[in-house]
Amino acid sequence: MASREELEERLARSRQRYRRAREKASLLTETTIVEDVDGGLGTVAVRGHGQLLRVSLDPSALRYATGRSVSTAVLRSIQRAEARARALRESRDGTEEGHSR
């Protein structure tokens, strides 16, 4: 059976892990990751949790683009942004170089 001191240490470590998890969750919620759409067509933005926030397209850049090329470029950009969000979530401290809040 664990001693009182051991139990108190375990409880303190558990509280510390819980606090860090809450801080990281808060950071992920506040973080916005922006990726450029290939071909200068615009940008996409996702939250640190990977939730798609917006797709912004530049109408002047779409003049000569086909629907297929636009959809492919947007999809690739979303996938890159989601990959960055995943890396952010998996990082130990919840930070990524180049992220914006």
C-alpha atoms as a PDB file:
ATOM      1  CA  MET A   1       0.000   0.000   0.000  1.00  0.00           C
ATOM      2  CA  ALA A   2       1.261   3.458  -0.903  1.00  0.00           C
ATOM      3  CA  SER A   3       2.195   5.855   1.843  1.00  0.00           C
ATOM      4  CA  ARG A   4       0.408   9.138   2.335  1.00  0.00           C
ATOM      5  CA  GLU A   5       3.399  11.025   0.877  1.00  0.00           C
ATOM      6  CA  GLU A   6       3.378   8.836  -2.240  1.00  0.00           C
ATOM      7  CA  LEU A   7      -0.335   9.408  -2.717  1.00  0.00           C
ATOM      8  CA  GLU A   8       0.113  13.161  -2.320  1.00  0.00           C
ATOM      9  CA  GLU A   9       2.919  13.131  -4.908  1.00  0.00           C
ATOM     10  CA  ARG A  10       0.754  11.162  -7.344  1.00  0.00           C
ATOM     11  CA  LEU A  11      -2.112  13.570  -6.813  1.00  0.00           C
ATOM     12  CA  ALA A  12       0.164  16.570  -7.384  1.00  0.00           C
ATOM     13  CA  ARG A  13       1.519  15.029 -10.623  1.00  0.00           C
ATOM     14  CA  SER A  14      -2.011  14.262 -11.801  1.00  0.00           C
ATOM     15  CA  ARG A  15      -3.125  17.817 -11.129  1.00  0.00           C
ATOM     16  CA  GLN A  16      -0.105  19.153 -12.993  1.00  0.00           C
ATOM     17  CA  ARG A  17      -0.826  16.917 -16.038  1.00  0.00           C
ATOM     18  CA  TYR A  18      -4.465  18.011 -15.966  1.00  0.00           C
ATOM     19  CA  ARG A  19      -3.472  21.697 -15.830  1.00  0.00           C
ATOM     20  CA  ARG A  20      -1.069  21.270 -18.771  1.00  0.00           C
ATOM     21  CA  ALA A  21      -3.738  19.440 -20.780  1.00  0.00           C
ATOM     22  CA  ARG A  22      -6.230  22.262 -20.182  1.00  0.00           C
ATOM     23  CA  GLU A  23      -3.652  24.885 -21.152  1.00  0.00           C
ATOM     24  CA  LYS A  24      -2.826  23.004 -24.355  1.00  0.00           C
ATOM     25  CA  ALA A  25      -6.524  22.608 -25.214  1.00  0.00           C
ATOM     26  CA  SER A  26      -7.010  26.332 -24.714  1.00  0.00           C
ATOM     27  CA  LEU A  27      -4.009  27.129 -26.900  1.00  0.00           C
ATOM     28  CA  LEU A  28      -5.297  24.834 -29.669  1.00  0.00           C
ATOM     29  CA  THR A  29      -8.695  26.519 -29.547  1.00  0.00           C
ATOM     30  CA  GLU A  30      -7.108  29.972 -29.833  1.00  0.00           C
ATOM     31  CA  THR A  31      -4.646  29.013 -32.577  1.00  0.00           C
ATOM     32  CA  THR A  32      -5.422  29.629 -36.244  1.00  0.00           C
ATOM     33  CA  ILE A  33      -3.256  27.980 -38.888  1.00  0.00           C
ATOM     34  CA  VAL A  34      -3.328  29.656 -42.307  1.00  0.00           C
ATOM     35  CA  GLU A  35      -2.098  27.985 -45.504  1.00  0.00           C
ATOM     36  CA  ASP A  36      -1.817  29.551 -48.943  1.00  0.00           C
ATOM     37  CA  VAL A  37      -3.803  27.901 -51.714  1.00  0.00           C
ATOM     38  CA  ASP A  38      -1.528  26.751 -54.541  1.00  0.00           C
ATOM     39  CA  GLY A  39      -1.295  29.104 -57.494  1.00  0.00           C
ATOM     40  CA  GLY A  40      -1.970  32.190 -55.384  1.00  0.00           C
ATOM     41  CA  LEU A  41      -5.700  31.445 -55.429  1.00  0.00           C
ATOM     42  CA  GLY A  42      -6.258  32.415 -51.787  1.00  0.00           C
ATOM     43  CA  THR A  43      -5.911  30.968 -48.291  1.00  0.00           C
ATOM     44  CA  VAL A  44      -7.460  28.378 -45.996  1.00  0.00           C
ATOM     45  CA  ALA A  45      -7.546  28.537 -42.205  1.00  0.00           C
ATOM     46  CA  VAL A  46      -8.035  25.822 -39.582  1.00  0.00           C
ATOM     47  CA  ARG A  47      -8.097  25.855 -35.774  1.00  0.00           C
ATOM     48  CA  GLY A  48      -5.411  24.063 -33.805  1.00  0.00           C
ATOM     49  CA  HIS A  49      -7.882  21.203 -33.366  1.00  0.00           C
ATOM     50  CA  GLY A  50      -8.114  20.859 -37.163  1.00  0.00           C
ATOM     51  CA  GLN A  51     -11.555  22.453 -37.603  1.00  0.00           C
ATOM     52  CA  LEU A  52     -11.853  24.254 -40.944  1.00  0.00           C
ATOM     53  CA  LEU A  53     -12.577  27.929 -40.298  1.00  0.00           C
ATOM     54  CA  ARG A  54     -12.565  29.485 -43.732  1.00  0.00           C
ATOM     55  CA  VAL A  55     -11.579  29.243 -47.354  1.00  0.00           C
ATOM     56  CA  SER A  56     -10.812  32.625 -48.914  1.00  0.00           C
ATOM     57  CA  LEU A  57     -10.392  32.796 -52.674  1.00  0.00           C
ATOM     58  CA  ASP A  58      -9.134  35.736 -54.713  1.00  0.00           C
ATOM     59  CA  PRO A  59     -11.695  36.309 -57.501  1.00  0.00           C
ATOM     60  CA  SER A  60      -9.095  37.870 -59.799  1.00  0.00           C
ATOM     61  CA  ALA A  61      -6.910  34.756 -59.502  1.00  0.00           C
ATOM     62  CA  LEU A  62      -9.854  32.526 -60.442  1.00  0.00           C
ATOM     63  CA  ARG A  63     -10.405  34.129 -63.831  1.00  0.00           C
ATOM     64  CA  TYR A  64      -8.571  31.424 -65.796  1.00  0.00           C
ATOM     65  CA  ALA A  65      -8.846  28.547 -63.322  1.00  0.00           C
ATOM     66  CA  THR A  66     -11.020  25.500 -63.847  1.00  0.00           C
ATOM     67  CA  GLY A  67     -13.281  24.088 -61.170  1.00  0.00           C
ATOM     68  CA  ARG A  68     -11.161  20.970 -60.981  1.00  0.00           C
ATOM     69  CA  SER A  69      -7.896  22.884 -60.547  1.00  0.00           C
ATOM     70  CA  VAL A  70      -9.414  25.120 -57.867  1.00  0.00           C
ATOM     71  CA  SER A  71     -10.908  22.210 -55.932  1.00  0.00           C
ATOM     72  CA  THR A  72      -7.624  20.279 -56.099  1.00  0.00           C
ATOM     73  CA  ALA A  73      -5.608  23.291 -54.926  1.00  0.00           C
ATOM     74  CA  VAL A  74      -8.017  24.047 -52.074  1.00  0.00           C
ATOM     75  CA  LEU A  75      -8.093  20.406 -50.962  1.00  0.00           C
ATOM     76  CA  ARG A  76      -4.286  20.202 -50.907  1.00  0.00           C
ATOM     77  CA  SER A  77      -4.077  23.395 -48.877  1.00  0.00           C
ATOM     78  CA  ILE A  78      -6.641  22.127 -46.368  1.00  0.00           C
ATOM     79  CA  GLN A  79      -4.691  18.876 -46.037  1.00  0.00           C
ATOM     80  CA  ARG A  80      -1.461  20.798 -45.372  1.00  0.00           C
ATOM     81  CA  ALA A  81      -3.187  22.968 -42.770  1.00  0.00           C
ATOM     82  CA  GLU A  82      -4.705  19.892 -41.109  1.00  0.00           C
ATOM     83  CA  ALA A  83      -1.273  18.219 -41.041  1.00  0.00           C
ATOM     84  CA  ARG A  84       0.183  21.280 -39.316  1.00  0.00           C
ATOM     85  CA  ALA A  85      -2.698  21.232 -36.814  1.00  0.00           C
ATOM     86  CA  ARG A  86      -2.083  17.531 -36.157  1.00  0.00           C
ATOM     87  CA  ALA A  87       1.636  18.200 -35.570  1.00  0.00           C
ATOM     88  CA  LEU A  88       0.680  20.998 -33.201  1.00  0.00           C
ATOM     89  CA  ARG A  89      -1.676  18.726 -31.245  1.00  0.00           C
ATOM     90  CA  GLU A  90       0.955  16.001 -31.035  1.00  0.00           C
ATOM     91  CA  SER A  91       3.734  18.346 -29.938  1.00  0.00           C
ATOM     92  CA  ARG A  92       4.703  18.201 -26.300  1.00  0.00           C
ATOM     93  CA  ASP A  93       4.106  21.875 -25.550  1.00  0.00           C
ATOM     94  CA  GLY A  94       1.437  22.700 -28.142  1.00  0.00           C
ATOM     95  CA  THR A  95       3.563  25.089 -30.158  1.00  0.00           C
ATOM     96  CA  GLU A  96       4.508  25.129 -33.795  1.00  0.00           C
ATOM     97  CA  GLU A  97       6.957  27.428 -35.491  1.00  0.00           C
ATOM     98  CA  GLY A  98       5.092  29.918 -37.612  1.00  0.00           C
ATOM     99  CA  HIS A  99       1.624  29.509 -36.128  1.00  0.00           C
ATOM    100  CA  SER A 100      -0.635  32.466 -35.595  1.00  0.00           C
ATOM    101  CA  ARG A 101      -3.154  33.068 -32.862  1.00  0.00           C
END
